[in-house]
C-alpha atoms as a PDB file:
ATOM      1  CA  UNK A   1       0.000   0.000   0.000  1.00  0.00           C
ATOM      2  CA  UNK A   2       1.425   3.366  -1.007  1.00  0.00           C
ATOM      3  CA  UNK A   3       0.598   6.616   0.756  1.00  0.00           C
ATOM      4  CA  UNK A   4       1.501  10.118  -0.395  1.00  0.00           C
ATOM      5  CA  UNK A   5       2.036  12.376   2.582  1.00  0.00           C
ATOM      6  CA  UNK A   6       3.500  15.775   3.403  1.00  0.00           C
ATOM      7  CA  UNK A   7       2.921  17.508   0.085  1.00  0.00           C
ATOM      8  CA  UNK A   8       4.409  20.998   0.393  1.00  0.00           C
ATOM      9  CA  UNK A   9       5.517  23.468  -2.284  1.00  0.00           C
ATOM     10  CA  UNK A  10       6.256  20.905  -4.941  1.00  0.00           C
ATOM     11  CA  UNK A  11       7.783  18.438  -2.500  1.00  0.00           C
ATOM     12  CA  UNK A  12       6.066  15.271  -1.452  1.00  0.00           C
ATOM     13  CA  UNK A  13       6.994  12.144   0.438  1.00  0.00           C
ATOM     14  CA  UNK A  14       5.723   8.686  -0.386  1.00  0.00           C
ATOM     15  CA  UNK A  15       5.746   5.610   1.787  1.00  0.00           C
ATOM     16  CA  UNK A  16       5.240   2.065   0.641  1.00  0.00           C
ATOM     17  CA  UNK A  17       4.457  -0.887   2.882  1.00  0.00           C
ATOM     18  CA  UNK A  18       6.125  -3.248   0.439  1.00  0.00           C
ATOM     19  CA  UNK A  19       5.364  -6.890  -0.237  1.00  0.00           C
ATOM     20  CA  UNK A  20       6.543  -8.503   3.011  1.00  0.00           C
ATOM     21  CA  UNK A  21       5.025  -6.615   5.948  1.00  0.00           C
ATOM     22  CA  UNK A  22       1.366  -5.754   6.526  1.00  0.00           C
ATOM     23  CA  UNK A  23       2.159  -2.371   8.079  1.00  0.00           C
ATOM     24  CA  UNK A  24       4.444   0.591   7.537  1.00  0.00           C
ATOM     25  CA  UNK A  25       6.870   1.839  10.196  1.00  0.00           C
ATOM     26  CA  UNK A  26       8.087   4.894   8.252  1.00  0.00           C
ATOM     27  CA  UNK A  27       7.682   8.505   9.319  1.00  0.00           C
ATOM     28  CA  UNK A  28       8.666  11.661   7.478  1.00  0.00           C
ATOM     29  CA  UNK A  29       8.240  15.392   7.520  1.00  0.00           C
ATOM     30  CA  UNK A  30       8.986  18.481   5.484  1.00  0.00           C
ATOM     31  CA  UNK A  31       9.376  21.446   7.844  1.00  0.00           C
ATOM     32  CA  UNK A  32      10.166  25.118   7.439  1.00  0.00           C
ATOM     33  CA  UNK A  33      12.369  25.882  10.447  1.00  0.00           C
ATOM     34  CA  UNK A  34      14.309  28.827  11.831  1.00  0.00           C
ATOM     35  CA  UNK A  35      17.421  27.230  10.297  1.00  0.00           C
ATOM     36  CA  UNK A  36      16.074  26.469   6.815  1.00  0.00           C
ATOM     37  CA  UNK A  37      13.930  23.858   5.129  1.00  0.00           C
ATOM     38  CA  UNK A  38      14.215  20.463   6.768  1.00  0.00           C
ATOM     39  CA  UNK A  39      13.474  17.056   5.272  1.00  0.00           C
ATOM     40  CA  UNK A  40      13.432  14.040   7.606  1.00  0.00           C
ATOM     41  CA  UNK A  41      12.760  10.376   6.852  1.00  0.00           C
ATOM     42  CA  UNK A  42      12.892   7.653   9.505  1.00  0.00           C
ATOM     43  CA  UNK A  43      12.375   3.936   8.863  1.00  0.00           C
ATOM     44  CA  UNK A  44      11.399   2.174  12.075  1.00  0.00           C
ATOM     45  CA  UNK A  45      12.583  -1.245  13.169  1.00  0.00           C
ATOM     46  CA  UNK A  46      11.786  -3.472  16.080  1.00  0.00           C
ATOM     47  CA  UNK A  47       8.255  -4.607  15.348  1.00  0.00           C
ATOM     48  CA  UNK A  48       5.070  -2.768  14.500  1.00  0.00           C
ATOM     49  CA  UNK A  49       4.580  -0.837  17.728  1.00  0.00           C
ATOM     50  CA  UNK A  50       8.262  -0.238  18.432  1.00  0.00           C
ATOM     51  CA  UNK A  51       9.367   0.659  14.926  1.00  0.00           C
ATOM     52  CA  UNK A  52       6.474   2.985  14.236  1.00  0.00           C
ATOM     53  CA  UNK A  53       6.977   4.694  17.596  1.00  0.00           C
ATOM     54  CA  UNK A  54      10.733   5.048  17.117  1.00  0.00           C
ATOM     55  CA  UNK A  55      10.366   6.560  13.656  1.00  0.00           C
ATOM     56  CA  UNK A  56       7.713   9.011  14.855  1.00  0.00           C
ATOM     57  CA  UNK A  57       9.833  10.084  17.833  1.00  0.00           C
ATOM     58  CA  UNK A  58      12.857  10.367  15.534  1.00  0.00           C
ATOM     59  CA  UNK A  59      11.094  12.714  13.124  1.00  0.00           C
ATOM     60  CA  UNK A  60       9.490  14.757  15.903  1.00  0.00           C
ATOM     61  CA  UNK A  61      12.764  15.079  17.827  1.00  0.00           C
ATOM     62  CA  UNK A  62      14.913  16.097  14.850  1.00  0.00           C
ATOM     63  CA  UNK A  63      12.340  18.719  13.859  1.00  0.00           C
ATOM     64  CA  UNK A  64      12.101  20.019  17.417  1.00  0.00           C
ATOM     65  CA  UNK A  65      15.883  20.278  17.758  1.00  0.00           C
ATOM     66  CA  UNK A  66      16.381  22.010  14.423  1.00  0.00           C
ATOM     67  CA  UNK A  67      13.603  24.482  15.138  1.00  0.00           C
ATOM     68  CA  UNK A  68      14.751  25.393  18.675  1.00  0.00           C
ATOM     69  CA  UNK A  69      18.557  25.553  18.432  1.00  0.00           C
ATOM     70  CA  UNK A  70      20.789  27.906  16.491  1.00  0.00           C
ATOM     71  CA  UNK A  71      22.722  26.360  13.627  1.00  0.00           C
ATOM     72  CA  UNK A  72      26.260  27.687  13.261  1.00  0.00           C
ATOM     73  CA  UNK A  73      28.105  24.680  11.810  1.00  0.00           C
ATOM     74  CA  UNK A  74      25.442  22.750   9.862  1.00  0.00           C
ATOM     75  CA  UNK A  75      27.121  19.327   9.732  1.00  0.00           C
ATOM     76  CA  UNK A  76      27.761  19.293  13.489  1.00  0.00           C
ATOM     77  CA  UNK A  77      24.279  20.701  14.037  1.00  0.00           C
ATOM     78  CA  UNK A  78      22.635  17.825  12.143  1.00  0.00           C
ATOM     79  CA  UNK A  79      24.747  15.305  14.043  1.00  0.00           C
ATOM     80  CA  UNK A  80      23.552  16.829  17.322  1.00  0.00           C
ATOM     81  CA  UNK A  81      19.956  16.707  16.089  1.00  0.00           C
ATOM     82  CA  UNK A  82      20.325  12.972  15.412  1.00  0.00           C
ATOM     83  CA  UNK A  83      21.970  12.420  18.801  1.00  0.00           C
ATOM     84  CA  UNK A  84      19.086  14.280  20.452  1.00  0.00           C
ATOM     85  CA  UNK A  85      16.557  12.105  18.612  1.00  0.00           C
ATOM     86  CA  UNK A  86      18.460   8.967  19.632  1.00  0.00           C
ATOM     87  CA  UNK A  87      18.331  10.017  23.284  1.00  0.00           C
ATOM     88  CA  UNK A  88      14.568  10.605  23.069  1.00  0.00           C
ATOM     89  CA  UNK A  89      13.995   7.183  21.493  1.00  0.00           C
ATOM     90  CA  UNK A  90      16.235   5.484  24.052  1.00  0.00           C
ATOM     91  CA  UNK A  91      14.468   7.205  26.966  1.00  0.00           C
ATOM     92  CA  UNK A  92      11.066   6.124  25.644  1.00  0.00           C
ATOM     93  CA  UNK A  93      12.224   2.523  25.224  1.00  0.00           C
ATOM     94  CA  UNK A  94      13.525   2.494  28.812  1.00  0.00           C
ATOM     95  CA  UNK A  95      10.275   3.869  30.225  1.00  0.00           C
ATOM     96  CA  UNK A  96       8.024   1.471  28.299  1.00  0.00           C
ATOM     97  CA  UNK A  97       9.029  -2.235  28.343  1.00  0.00           C
ATOM     98  CA  UNK A  98       6.755  -2.965  25.345  1.00  0.00           C
ATOM     99  CA  UNK A  99       9.056  -0.752  23.259  1.00  0.00           C
ATOM    100  CA  UNK A 100      12.319  -2.329  24.379  1.00  0.00           C
ATOM    101  CA  UNK A 101      14.695  -2.747  21.445  1.00  0.00           C
ATOM    102  CA  UNK A 102      12.903  -0.309  19.170  1.00  0.00           C
ATOM    103  CA  UNK A 103      14.955   1.771  16.776  1.00  0.00           C
ATOM    104  CA  UNK A 104      14.940   3.642  13.527  1.00  0.00           C
ATOM    105  CA  UNK A 105      17.155   4.712  10.685  1.00  0.00           C
ATOM    106  CA  UNK A 106      17.218   8.418   9.887  1.00  0.00           C
ATOM    107  CA  UNK A 107      17.969  10.607   6.891  1.00  0.00           C
ATOM    108  CA  UNK A 108      18.052  14.354   7.413  1.00  0.00           C
ATOM    109  CA  UNK A 109      18.543  17.120   4.840  1.00  0.00           C
ATOM    110  CA  UNK A 110      18.768  20.831   5.640  1.00  0.00           C
ATOM    111  CA  UNK A 111      18.431  23.400   2.861  1.00  0.00           C
ATOM    112  CA  UNK A 112      19.360  26.993   3.611  1.00  0.00           C
ATOM    113  CA  UNK A 113      19.716  29.627   0.924  1.00  0.00           C
ATOM    114  CA  UNK A 114      21.576  27.844  -1.891  1.00  0.00           C
ATOM    115  CA  UNK A 115      23.313  25.231   0.272  1.00  0.00           C
ATOM    116  CA  UNK A 116      22.369  21.683   1.258  1.00  0.00           C
ATOM    117  CA  UNK A 117      23.662  19.623   4.192  1.00  0.00           C
ATOM    118  CA  UNK A 118      22.731  16.069   5.080  1.00  0.00           C
ATOM    119  CA  UNK A 119      23.288  13.427   7.731  1.00  0.00           C
ATOM    120  CA  UNK A 120      22.049   9.888   8.208  1.00  0.00           C
ATOM    121  CA  UNK A 121      22.264   6.864  10.418  1.00  0.00           C
ATOM    122  CA  UNK A 122      21.476   3.242   9.605  1.00  0.00           C
ATOM    123  CA  UNK A 123      20.784   1.565   6.293  1.00  0.00           C
ATOM    124  CA  UNK A 124      18.536   4.194   4.743  1.00  0.00           C
ATOM    125  CA  UNK A 125      20.191   6.197   1.997  1.00  0.00           C
ATOM    126  CA  UNK A 126      20.145   9.741   0.683  1.00  0.00           C
ATOM    127  CA  UNK A 127      20.163  10.236  -3.070  1.00  0.00           C
ATOM    128  CA  UNK A 128      20.488  13.297  -5.288  1.00  0.00           C
ATOM    129  CA  UNK A 129      18.495  13.468  -8.511  1.00  0.00           C
ATOM    130  CA  UNK A 130      20.051  15.641 -11.209  1.00  0.00           C
ATOM    131  CA  UNK A 131      17.099  16.639 -13.386  1.00  0.00           C
ATOM    132  CA  UNK A 132      19.263  17.952 -16.236  1.00  0.00           C
ATOM    133  CA  UNK A 133      21.194  14.691 -16.521  1.00  0.00           C
ATOM    134  CA  UNK A 134      18.201  12.595 -15.487  1.00  0.00           C
ATOM    135  CA  UNK A 135      20.566  10.734 -13.188  1.00  0.00           C
ATOM    136  CA  UNK A 136      20.323   9.549  -9.599  1.00  0.00           C
ATOM    137  CA  UNK A 137      23.415   9.692  -7.375  1.00  0.00           C
ATOM    138  CA  UNK A 138      23.791   7.940  -4.032  1.00  0.00           C
ATOM    139  CA  UNK A 139      25.237  10.373  -1.476  1.00  0.00           C
ATOM    140  CA  UNK A 140      25.483   8.106   1.572  1.00  0.00           C
ATOM    141  CA  UNK A 141      26.648   4.605   2.434  1.00  0.00           C
ATOM    142  CA  UNK A 142      24.738   2.292   4.715  1.00  0.00           C
ATOM    143  CA  UNK A 143      25.852   1.904   8.301  1.00  0.00           C
ATOM    144  CA  UNK A 144      25.582  -1.882   8.191  1.00  0.00           C
ATOM    145  CA  UNK A 145      27.608  -5.074   8.429  1.00  0.00           C
ATOM    146  CA  UNK A 146      26.946  -5.791   4.753  1.00  0.00           C
ATOM    147  CA  UNK A 147      28.282  -2.368   3.698  1.00  0.00           C
ATOM    148  CA  UNK A 148      31.389  -2.884   5.867  1.00  0.00           C
ATOM    149  CA  UNK A 149      32.030  -6.210   4.099  1.00  0.00           C
ATOM    150  CA  UNK A 150      31.584  -4.547   0.701  1.00  0.00           C
ATOM    151  CA  UNK A 151      33.970  -1.735   1.693  1.00  0.00           C
ATOM    152  CA  UNK A 152      36.607  -4.317   2.709  1.00  0.00           C
ATOM    153  CA  UNK A 153      36.145  -6.184  -0.577  1.00  0.00           C
ATOM    154  CA  UNK A 154      34.914  -9.326   1.161  1.00  0.00           C
ATOM    155  CA  UNK A 155      31.661  -9.389  -0.792  1.00  0.00           C
END
């Protein structure tokens, strides 16, 4: 099942449940913040309740951080936003045993004036689409065991 959500000024996000699972654990948001336009995608893991909760907290927390703190060095700023989100997810999992082990990947893009910064964690990727060349470029590498093996030339 595919859902189109967060349509804003020519930008939209789509989620797809896929063929394996009966539910979707993804969350996303496009936000206009005090630091620029923010795009956040989180893909939950840890079961239906846990994954969906983790991805929602991840998106909410990144947006809250970016909209309430001053950005001076964007790359460090995005790292701190992800660390803040991680702390919020961890605290929720500790306070609710049903959510133990929940987690999420995260992809974050900040656009300010004519510059773009991005950060990510996990095995979700950020791509850049060049409309003139009609080409898609992968900007990030997965944080995963499989990617580590590929990087070492073992697979």
